[in-house]
Protein backbone atom coordinates (compact mmCIF):
# COMPACT_ATOMS: atom_id res chain seq x y z
CA UNK A 1 -34.04 -0.65 1.34
CA UNK A 2 -32.13 -3.84 0.74
CA UNK A 3 -32.13 -6.00 -2.16
CA UNK A 4 -32.70 -9.38 -2.37
CA UNK A 5 -31.18 -12.26 -4.25
CA UNK A 6 -32.00 -13.14 -8.04
CA UNK A 7 -33.42 -16.67 -8.16
CA UNK A 8 -31.00 -17.38 -11.09
CA UNK A 9 -28.16 -16.36 -8.80
CA UNK A 10 -29.04 -18.79 -5.70
CA UNK A 11 -26.13 -21.13 -6.43
CA UNK A 12 -23.84 -19.30 -9.11
CA UNK A 13 -20.13 -20.74 -10.25
CA UNK A 14 -17.91 -18.11 -11.18
CA UNK A 15 -14.97 -18.96 -13.52
CA UNK A 16 -11.91 -16.71 -12.69
CA UNK A 17 -13.34 -15.51 -9.12
CA UNK A 18 -10.54 -14.14 -7.85
CA UNK A 19 -10.42 -11.30 -10.80
CA UNK A 20 -11.34 -7.77 -9.40
CA UNK A 21 -14.60 -7.50 -11.11
CA UNK A 22 -15.78 -11.25 -10.39
CA UNK A 23 -14.86 -10.95 -6.95
CA UNK A 24 -16.93 -8.14 -6.15
CA UNK A 25 -20.15 -9.68 -7.29
CA UNK A 26 -19.31 -13.07 -5.92
CA UNK A 27 -19.04 -11.24 -2.48
CA UNK A 28 -22.12 -9.07 -2.81
CA UNK A 29 -23.82 -12.46 -3.84
CA UNK A 30 -22.38 -14.46 -0.86
CA UNK A 31 -23.39 -11.67 1.72
CA UNK A 32 -26.82 -11.71 0.16
CA UNK A 33 -27.32 -15.39 1.02
CA UNK A 34 -26.30 -17.13 -2.06
CA UNK A 35 -24.03 -20.58 -2.26
CA UNK A 36 -21.26 -19.06 -4.21
CA UNK A 37 -18.48 -21.27 -5.66
CA UNK A 38 -15.86 -20.90 -8.33
CA UNK A 39 -12.24 -21.16 -9.43
CA UNK A 40 -9.06 -19.34 -10.27
CA UNK A 41 -5.90 -19.98 -11.76
CA UNK A 42 -4.01 -19.28 -8.62
CA UNK A 43 -4.29 -19.02 -4.81
CA UNK A 44 -4.69 -15.30 -3.51
CA UNK A 45 -5.62 -13.04 -0.65
CA UNK A 46 -8.89 -12.68 -2.17
CA UNK A 47 -10.07 -16.14 -2.64
CA UNK A 48 -9.27 -16.38 1.41
CA UNK A 49 -11.32 -13.41 1.52
CA UNK A 50 -14.30 -15.28 -0.51
CA UNK A 51 -13.88 -18.54 1.53
CA UNK A 52 -14.12 -16.38 4.84
CA UNK A 53 -17.63 -15.21 3.42
CA UNK A 54 -18.42 -19.00 3.08
CA UNK A 55 -17.51 -19.22 -0.80
CA UNK A 56 -16.28 -22.47 -2.21
CA UNK A 57 -13.05 -21.69 -4.22
CA UNK A 58 -11.16 -24.39 -6.29
CA UNK A 59 -7.64 -23.52 -7.77
CA UNK A 60 -7.08 -24.33 -11.19
CA UNK A 61 -9.74 -24.90 -13.79
CA UNK A 62 -11.29 -28.43 -14.10
CA UNK A 63 -14.69 -29.51 -15.19
CA UNK A 64 -15.15 -31.34 -11.90
CA UNK A 65 -15.29 -28.07 -9.97
CA UNK A 66 -18.49 -26.83 -11.35
CA UNK A 67 -21.24 -28.62 -9.19
CA UNK A 68 -24.23 -30.34 -10.93
CA UNK A 69 -26.72 -28.01 -9.19
CA UNK A 70 -25.26 -24.70 -10.08
CA UNK A 71 -27.92 -22.21 -11.21
CA UNK A 72 -25.47 -20.47 -13.47
CA UNK A 73 -21.87 -19.97 -14.55
CA UNK A 74 -20.65 -16.45 -14.56
CA UNK A 75 -18.05 -15.49 -16.79
CA UNK A 76 -15.93 -12.45 -17.98
CA UNK A 77 -14.97 -11.45 -21.71
CA UNK A 78 -11.39 -12.78 -20.57
CA UNK A 79 -12.48 -16.60 -20.34
CA UNK A 80 -11.73 -18.71 -23.15
CA UNK A 81 -14.37 -20.64 -25.10
CA UNK A 82 -12.18 -23.84 -24.30
CA UNK A 83 -12.36 -23.43 -20.44
CA UNK A 84 -13.02 -27.05 -19.07
CA UNK A 85 -15.84 -25.62 -16.70
CA UNK A 86 -17.47 -23.66 -19.57
CA UNK A 87 -17.53 -27.00 -21.49
CA UNK A 88 -18.91 -28.75 -18.50
CA UNK A 89 -21.74 -26.17 -18.03
CA UNK A 90 -22.93 -26.76 -21.90
CA UNK A 91 -23.05 -30.36 -21.17
CA UNK A 92 -25.22 -29.98 -18.18
CA UNK A 93 -27.27 -27.07 -19.70
CA UNK A 94 -26.31 -24.67 -17.03
CA UNK A 95 -26.82 -21.06 -18.05
CA UNK A 96 -23.92 -18.98 -18.72
CA UNK A 97 -24.13 -15.47 -17.55
CA UNK A 98 -21.79 -12.65 -17.97
CA UNK A 99 -20.24 -10.69 -15.47
CA UNK A 100 -22.14 -7.48 -16.27
CA UNK A 101 -25.47 -9.17 -16.67
CA UNK A 102 -24.82 -10.49 -13.12
CA UNK A 103 -23.88 -7.15 -11.94
CA UNK A 104 -26.86 -5.29 -13.42
CA UNK A 105 -29.30 -7.96 -11.51
CA UNK A 106 -27.74 -7.00 -8.12
CA UNK A 107 -28.59 -3.27 -8.91
CA UNK A 108 -32.15 -3.99 -9.59
CA UNK A 109 -34.75 -2.32 -7.23
CA UNK A 110 -31.95 0.06 -6.06
CA UNK A 111 -30.73 3.47 -7.12
CA UNK A 112 -27.55 2.81 -9.43
CA UNK A 113 -24.60 5.23 -10.01
CA UNK A 114 -22.47 3.95 -12.68
CA UNK A 115 -18.63 5.18 -12.91
CA UNK A 116 -17.44 5.16 -16.70
CA UNK A 117 -14.57 6.63 -18.32
CA UNK A 118 -11.24 5.53 -20.14
CA UNK A 119 -9.49 6.36 -16.51
CA UNK A 120 -10.01 7.04 -13.19
CA UNK A 121 -13.02 4.61 -12.67
CA UNK A 122 -11.71 2.65 -9.60
CA UNK A 123 -10.84 5.95 -7.77
CA UNK A 124 -13.67 7.68 -8.47
CA UNK A 125 -16.10 4.88 -7.59
CA UNK A 126 -13.94 4.12 -4.45
CA UNK A 127 -14.23 7.95 -3.42
CA UNK A 128 -18.14 7.74 -3.57
CA UNK A 129 -18.09 4.17 -1.58
CA UNK A 130 -16.19 5.77 1.12
CA UNK A 131 -17.95 8.84 1.29
CA UNK A 132 -21.60 7.38 1.21
CA UNK A 133 -20.79 5.15 3.86
CA UNK A 134 -19.11 7.61 6.08
CA UNK A 135 -22.42 9.90 5.75
CA UNK A 136 -24.23 6.44 7.06
CA UNK A 137 -26.06 5.98 3.61
CA UNK A 138 -24.76 2.14 3.72
CA UNK A 139 -24.43 2.08 -0.27
CA UNK A 140 -23.74 -1.57 -2.02
CA UNK A 141 -20.53 -0.92 -4.31
CA UNK A 142 -18.66 -3.02 -6.66
CA UNK A 143 -15.04 -1.45 -7.31
CA UNK A 144 -12.14 -2.58 -9.85
CA UNK A 145 -9.77 -2.52 -6.78
CA UNK A 146 -9.38 -3.33 -3.10
CA UNK A 147 -9.97 -0.14 -0.83
CA UNK A 148 -8.03 -1.47 2.50
CA UNK A 149 -7.76 -4.98 2.50
CA UNK A 150 -8.14 -8.04 0.10
CA UNK A 151 -11.76 -8.62 -0.64
CA UNK A 152 -12.82 -4.82 -0.09
CA UNK A 153 -13.69 -4.52 -3.72
CA UNK A 154 -17.39 -4.70 -3.16
CA UNK A 155 -19.97 -4.83 -0.27
CA UNK A 156 -23.71 -5.46 0.04
CA UNK A 157 -25.21 -2.35 2.05
CA UNK A 158 -28.54 -1.91 3.40
CA UNK A 159 -29.05 1.47 1.59
CA UNK A 160 -30.92 2.37 -1.67
CA UNK A 161 -27.43 3.27 -3.47
CA UNK A 162 -25.50 1.23 -5.57
CA UNK A 163 -22.22 2.55 -6.86
CA UNK A 164 -20.51 0.58 -9.66
CA UNK A 165 -17.47 0.74 -11.58
CA UNK A 166 -18.65 0.59 -15.39
CA UNK A 167 -16.46 -1.20 -17.89
CA UNK A 168 -16.24 -0.08 -21.17
CA UNK A 169 -13.71 -2.36 -22.42
CA UNK A 170 -15.80 -5.03 -23.79
CA UNK A 171 -19.00 -2.94 -24.07
CA UNK A 172 -20.39 -4.48 -20.85
CA UNK A 173 -21.46 -1.15 -19.46
CA UNK A 174 -24.22 -1.20 -22.07
CA UNK A 175 -26.10 -3.51 -19.36
CA UNK A 176 -26.71 -0.94 -16.59
CA UNK A 177 -29.65 1.44 -16.22
CA UNK A 178 -28.24 4.13 -14.09
CA UNK A 179 -30.03 6.72 -12.37
CA UNK A 180 -26.95 8.73 -12.35
CA UNK A 181 -23.91 7.91 -14.81
CA UNK A 182 -20.27 9.55 -14.52
CA UNK A 183 -18.05 9.89 -17.51
CA UNK A 184 -14.72 11.11 -16.42
CA UNK A 185 -12.90 11.04 -20.00
CA UNK A 186 -13.24 9.20 -23.11
CA UNK A 187 -10.30 8.36 -25.27
CA UNK A 188 -9.03 5.61 -27.33
CA UNK A 189 -8.22 2.39 -25.52
CA UNK A 190 -8.72 -1.36 -25.71
CA UNK A 191 -7.66 -1.62 -29.34
CA UNK A 192 -8.60 -5.36 -29.57
CA UNK A 193 -12.43 -4.20 -29.08
CA UNK A 194 -12.29 -0.91 -30.71
CA UNK A 195 -10.91 0.42 -33.99
CA UNK A 196 -11.62 3.96 -33.96
CA UNK A 197 -12.73 6.66 -31.58
CA UNK A 198 -15.93 6.77 -33.46
CA UNK A 199 -16.69 3.09 -32.07
CA UNK A 200 -15.44 4.51 -28.68
CA UNK A 201 -17.90 7.51 -28.99
CA UNK A 202 -20.58 5.24 -30.22
CA UNK A 203 -19.98 2.93 -27.27
CA UNK A 204 -20.19 5.61 -24.53
CA UNK A 205 -23.49 7.03 -26.44
CA UNK A 206 -25.02 3.92 -25.71
CA UNK A 207 -23.98 3.96 -22.12
CA UNK A 208 -25.43 7.51 -21.77
CA UNK A 209 -28.51 6.35 -23.37
CA UNK A 210 -29.11 3.88 -20.70
CA UNK A 211 -29.49 6.38 -18.22
CA UNK A 212 -33.10 6.09 -16.52
CA UNK A 213 -35.80 8.92 -17.47
CA UNK A 214 -35.20 11.68 -15.28
CA UNK A 215 -31.52 10.48 -14.63
CA UNK A 216 -28.60 12.87 -14.65
CA UNK A 217 -25.19 12.20 -17.17
CA UNK A 218 -22.14 13.62 -15.15
CA UNK A 219 -19.64 14.53 -17.40
CA UNK A 220 -16.05 16.19 -17.66
CA UNK A 221 -15.89 19.72 -19.18
CA UNK A 222 -12.11 19.46 -19.31
CA UNK A 223 -11.63 16.45 -21.76
CA UNK A 224 -11.94 16.84 -25.29
CA UNK A 225 -13.37 13.44 -25.95
CA UNK A 226 -15.66 13.98 -23.04
CA UNK A 227 -16.86 17.51 -24.44
CA UNK A 228 -17.45 15.87 -27.71
CA UNK A 229 -19.75 13.20 -26.23
CA UNK A 230 -21.83 15.66 -24.39
CA UNK A 231 -22.37 17.13 -28.01
CA UNK A 232 -23.61 13.99 -29.14
CA UNK A 233 -25.95 13.15 -26.03
CA UNK A 234 -27.72 16.39 -26.19
CA UNK A 235 -31.41 15.98 -25.93
CA UNK A 236 -31.07 12.95 -23.73
CA UNK A 237 -30.53 12.61 -20.02
CA UNK A 238 -30.07 15.96 -17.94
CA UNK A 239 -26.31 16.90 -18.30
CA UNK A 240 -24.01 18.46 -15.32
CA UNK A 241 -20.43 19.03 -16.55
CA UNK A 242 -17.71 19.53 -14.10
CA UNK A 243 -14.07 20.73 -14.32
CA UNK A 244 -11.87 23.88 -14.70
CA UNK A 245 -13.56 25.07 -17.75
CA UNK A 246 -15.09 28.29 -17.31
CA UNK A 247 -18.53 26.72 -18.72
CA UNK A 248 -18.56 23.93 -16.09
CA UNK A 249 -21.75 23.62 -14.22
CA UNK A 250 -19.53 22.38 -11.18
CA UNK A 251 -16.49 24.62 -11.88
CA UNK A 252 -13.25 24.01 -10.19
CA UNK A 253 -12.15 27.40 -8.85
CA UNK A 254 -8.68 26.12 -7.63
CA UNK A 255 -6.71 23.15 -6.47
CA UNK A 256 -3.71 23.83 -3.84
CA UNK A 257 -1.35 21.10 -3.18
CA UNK A 258 -0.38 20.40 0.37
CA UNK A 259 2.16 17.42 0.08
CA UNK A 260 0.36 14.58 -0.69
CA UNK A 261 -3.11 16.25 -0.36
CA UNK A 262 -5.01 18.98 -2.10
CA UNK A 263 -7.36 21.35 -1.07
CA UNK A 264 -10.13 21.91 -3.56
CA UNK A 265 -12.64 24.83 -4.21
CA UNK A 266 -15.48 24.56 -6.10
CA UNK A 267 -18.58 26.56 -7.35
CA UNK A 268 -21.51 24.94 -7.01
CA UNK A 269 -25.11 26.16 -7.58
CA UNK A 270 -23.38 29.63 -7.31
CA UNK A 271 -21.66 29.15 -3.86
CA UNK A 272 -17.99 28.42 -3.34
CA UNK A 273 -17.39 25.16 -1.31
CA UNK A 274 -13.67 24.23 0.06
CA UNK A 275 -12.70 20.66 0.83
CA UNK A 276 -9.93 18.67 1.33
CA UNK A 277 -8.64 15.68 -1.17
CA UNK A 278 -6.48 13.39 0.84
CA UNK A 279 -4.76 11.83 -2.22
CA UNK A 280 -2.08 13.95 -4.53
CA UNK A 281 -2.36 15.23 -7.95
CA UNK A 282 -5.11 17.26 -9.92
CA UNK A 283 -6.70 14.13 -11.67
CA UNK A 284 -7.50 12.89 -8.38
CA UNK A 285 -8.87 16.17 -7.30
CA UNK A 286 -11.10 16.20 -10.55
CA UNK A 287 -12.26 12.61 -9.75
CA UNK A 288 -13.41 14.01 -6.39
CA UNK A 289 -15.41 16.96 -7.77
CA UNK A 290 -17.09 14.31 -10.25
CA UNK A 291 -17.96 12.16 -7.41
CA UNK A 292 -19.41 15.32 -5.48
CA UNK A 293 -21.30 16.43 -8.63
CA UNK A 294 -23.13 12.51 -9.05
CA UNK A 295 -23.74 12.70 -5.12
CA UNK A 296 -25.76 15.94 -5.21
CA UNK A 297 -27.67 14.55 -8.36
CA UNK A 298 -28.83 11.74 -6.08
CA UNK A 299 -29.81 14.13 -3.47
CA UNK A 300 -26.96 13.99 -0.89
CA UNK A 301 -26.35 17.51 0.38
CA UNK A 302 -22.92 19.11 -0.98
CA UNK A 303 -21.56 20.18 1.86
CA UNK A 304 -21.68 17.11 3.94
CA UNK A 305 -20.48 15.04 0.85
CA UNK A 306 -17.53 17.29 0.38
CA UNK A 307 -16.64 16.99 3.89
CA UNK A 308 -17.03 13.10 3.82
CA UNK A 309 -14.89 12.89 0.52
CA UNK A 310 -11.77 13.69 2.82
CA UNK A 311 -12.16 10.46 4.72
CA UNK A 312 -11.04 8.59 1.32
CA UNK A 313 -7.53 7.84 1.43
CA UNK A 314 -6.71 5.83 -1.58
CA UNK A 315 -7.24 2.28 -3.23
CA UNK A 316 -4.69 -0.31 -3.59
CA UNK A 317 -2.52 0.11 -6.78
CA UNK A 318 -3.43 3.74 -7.13
CA UNK A 319 -0.32 5.62 -6.11
CA UNK A 320 -0.21 3.32 -2.86
CA UNK A 321 2.72 3.52 -0.64
CA UNK A 322 4.12 0.19 -0.08
CA UNK A 323 6.84 1.24 2.33
CA UNK A 324 10.37 2.99 3.05
CA UNK A 325 13.69 1.55 3.21
CA UNK A 326 17.01 3.27 3.05
CA UNK A 327 15.65 6.27 3.03
CA UNK A 328 13.71 5.47 -0.12
CA UNK A 329 9.81 5.11 -0.69
CA UNK A 330 8.29 2.66 -2.83
CA UNK A 331 4.84 3.59 -4.34
CA UNK A 332 2.66 1.28 -6.52
CA UNK A 333 0.78 2.61 -9.74
CA UNK A 334 -1.66 0.66 -11.83
CA UNK A 335 -1.39 3.08 -14.65
CA UNK A 336 -0.95 1.43 -17.95
CA UNK A 337 -2.10 4.04 -20.34
CA UNK A 338 -0.01 7.02 -21.27
CA UNK A 339 -2.59 9.52 -20.03
CA UNK A 340 -2.61 7.47 -16.58
CA UNK A 341 1.29 7.22 -16.51
CA UNK A 342 1.67 11.15 -17.22
CA UNK A 343 -0.86 11.92 -14.55
CA UNK A 344 0.56 9.73 -11.84
CA UNK A 345 4.10 10.88 -12.86
CA UNK A 346 3.06 14.74 -12.54
CA UNK A 347 1.30 13.85 -9.10
CA UNK A 348 4.44 12.28 -7.69
CA UNK A 349 6.37 15.09 -9.35
CA UNK A 350 4.49 17.70 -7.24
CA UNK A 351 5.29 15.85 -4.07
CA UNK A 352 8.35 14.39 -4.17
CA UNK A 353 11.57 16.06 -3.05
CA UNK A 354 14.22 13.72 -4.66
CA UNK A 355 14.54 12.07 -7.93
CA UNK A 356 11.55 9.73 -9.20
CA UNK A 357 12.75 6.19 -10.55
CA UNK A 358 10.05 3.98 -12.41
CA UNK A 359 9.95 0.38 -13.04
CA UNK A 360 7.07 -0.14 -15.90
CA UNK A 361 5.70 -3.01 -17.19
CA UNK A 362 3.73 -2.63 -20.34
CA UNK A 363 0.20 -4.36 -20.45
CA UNK A 364 -1.03 -5.77 -23.22
CA UNK A 365 0.68 -6.50 -26.82
CA UNK A 366 -2.15 -4.35 -28.48
CA UNK A 367 -1.81 -1.72 -26.26
CA UNK A 368 1.88 -1.48 -26.59
CA UNK A 369 1.57 -1.84 -30.41
CA UNK A 370 -0.76 1.39 -30.37
CA UNK A 371 0.44 3.60 -27.56
CA UNK A 372 4.27 2.48 -27.19
CA UNK A 373 5.71 5.68 -28.46
CA UNK A 374 3.39 7.79 -26.20
CA UNK A 375 4.03 5.30 -23.13
CA UNK A 376 8.04 5.92 -23.67
CA UNK A 377 7.26 9.62 -23.87
CA UNK A 378 5.29 9.40 -20.78
CA UNK A 379 8.26 7.90 -18.91
CA UNK A 380 10.63 10.92 -19.78
CA UNK A 381 8.77 12.71 -16.85
CA UNK A 382 10.73 10.41 -14.74
CA UNK A 383 14.45 10.61 -13.64
CA UNK A 384 15.33 7.11 -14.76
CA UNK A 385 12.97 4.18 -15.79
CA UNK A 386 13.31 0.51 -16.13
CA UNK A 387 10.97 -1.11 -18.55
CA UNK A 388 10.33 -4.63 -17.97
CA UNK A 389 8.71 -7.36 -20.78
CA UNK A 390 4.87 -7.22 -21.92
CA UNK A 391 2.37 -8.48 -19.35
CA UNK A 392 0.18 -10.36 -21.76
CA UNK A 393 -2.89 -11.03 -19.75
CA UNK A 394 -5.42 -12.47 -21.96
CA UNK A 395 -3.49 -11.84 -25.34
CA UNK A 396 -1.23 -13.85 -27.54
CA UNK A 397 2.30 -12.13 -28.48
CA UNK A 398 1.83 -9.78 -31.83
CA UNK A 399 4.96 -10.43 -34.19
CA UNK A 400 7.41 -7.60 -33.60
CA UNK A 401 5.63 -5.97 -30.82
CA UNK A 402 7.91 -5.97 -27.78
CA UNK A 403 8.76 -3.48 -24.83
CA UNK A 404 11.66 -2.19 -26.97
CA UNK A 405 9.07 -0.16 -28.62
CA UNK A 406 8.73 1.87 -25.39
CA UNK A 407 12.46 1.98 -24.79
CA UNK A 408 13.18 3.09 -28.11
CA UNK A 409 10.30 6.00 -27.82
CA UNK A 410 11.68 6.97 -24.44
CA UNK A 411 15.32 7.52 -25.39
CA UNK A 412 14.26 9.62 -28.28
CA UNK A 413 12.29 11.64 -25.85
CA UNK A 414 15.22 12.12 -23.88
CA UNK A 415 14.55 9.90 -21.16
CA UNK A 416 17.24 7.51 -19.14
CA UNK A 417 15.62 4.24 -19.58
CA UNK A 418 17.00 0.38 -18.99
CA UNK A 419 15.35 -2.49 -20.53
CA UNK A 420 14.98 -5.62 -17.97
CA UNK A 421 13.97 -8.45 -19.45
CA UNK A 422 13.91 -10.95 -16.22
CA UNK A 423 11.66 -9.42 -13.61
CA UNK A 424 13.32 -11.12 -10.86
CA UNK A 425 16.53 -9.06 -11.44
CA UNK A 426 14.49 -5.60 -11.35
CA UNK A 427 14.70 -5.07 -7.65
CA UNK A 428 18.78 -5.43 -7.85
CA UNK A 429 18.97 -2.87 -10.72
CA UNK A 430 16.62 -0.42 -8.80
CA UNK A 431 18.51 -0.60 -5.58
CA UNK A 432 21.67 0.04 -7.31
CA UNK A 433 20.27 2.98 -9.03
CA UNK A 434 18.29 4.50 -5.81
CA UNK A 435 20.02 7.02 -3.29
CA UNK A 436 17.86 8.31 0.09
CA UNK A 437 15.39 10.88 -0.99
CA UNK A 438 14.57 9.02 -3.77
CA UNK A 439 10.85 7.74 -4.95
CA UNK A 440 10.33 4.48 -6.55
CA UNK A 441 7.20 4.02 -8.72
CA UNK A 442 6.32 0.54 -9.67
CA UNK A 443 3.69 1.07 -12.66
CA UNK A 444 1.59 -1.16 -14.87
CA UNK A 445 -1.49 -3.19 -14.65
CA UNK A 446 0.15 -6.67 -14.37
CA UNK A 447 2.37 -8.29 -11.59
CA UNK A 448 4.57 -5.44 -11.60
CA UNK A 449 3.02 -4.86 -8.27
CA UNK A 450 4.79 -8.10 -6.65
CA UNK A 451 7.94 -6.12 -7.10
CA UNK A 452 7.29 -3.54 -4.37
CA UNK A 453 8.17 -5.73 -1.16
CA UNK A 454 11.00 -7.17 -2.93
CA UNK A 455 12.50 -3.76 -3.97
CA UNK A 456 12.09 -2.69 -0.19
CA UNK A 457 13.94 -5.79 0.95
CA UNK A 458 16.60 -5.21 -1.62
CA UNK A 459 17.04 -1.57 -0.33
CA UNK A 460 17.39 -2.75 3.34
CA UNK A 461 20.29 -4.77 2.37
CA UNK A 462 22.11 -2.54 0.78
């Protein structure tokens, strides 16, 4: 069963079309036959991938980029009110649609599966997209990261299932009405939008309340915040818990690491089921079990889905191997919250034979202000770290908030840490530290990912 094209989306214009969330929606619309256009701040492989689908992509933001016949303008919460294309839309009377509303419209008439949580959304959504595709179910999907090539973060499939990453950062996941929803964990993050854990819980409660009648909430039995949420939504949708906890409905019996893979055994409906997870770390094994439970809730046979989950080999920026030079592996991590940082460092420690060296770039001033101490503590799990200046993304600086907060906390925790204020210097510093057998982890949600190839080049020329 294929979904059609919403009339208001015939000729959409995306402001910030190259972003992870925006580009996915644009891609699906283009594949459904829409005349897609948009703009982005800089040229990228994603922009090229969209052009290959017939989209018009302008570089830079200017009023003249918005065509008079556009049926809507799609924006994310990151777009500022003074954007010239947004101002032009107001002049022309063109409706402005939030990214989440556009995504919600694409799910209409299908069986939506929405993946939420403070951490692990992209990985879990990707696992479902890959495994359901492997089974020939032809799902549509929209993910916050590329699977294996630029622009592979979304696809319009001919099947009836739509798998979507559900973003809590700006409460936009309240727009979806899933048949099955996953909540991986619930922690305080996105401090510019949430002042307390109570606000976070209220937001996730609203999301859970959007599950359609007869639908299912799949939620962790291991994470404290998720268990609290479970107690708050009792009497709502059918709840299926998963995890290592003894009372989990889908209980993880064992996770046995094998290099950069794991063998996972679960107890499901009274029977044990063992399958391979082709990425390292307990947290990725847990994500796979969440995906398994959600697929089963949609009616996918458990044994078939478990086998297909082994086909998932990772997503860009989620412990992605960038290469090896001079006996040193360079791996890229999107981790930017202390919990994510700890999980990725523990996963790398389990599979590494030599030292772990981290190049960490803090993401957002607000996050650093609230969680800088915990970030520093997480870096103590590495053998040595370089800490770059804060990547501001959409935020303006906060007086007194710098990466030195993390450096100081890391040193208090006993970590060996070096501040580097010019990102261009980082490859030389890393190359001077690394020896054969070491593993270098570039870590953060900003442009630290660009350093991987440069570090490899510098290592090669040692």
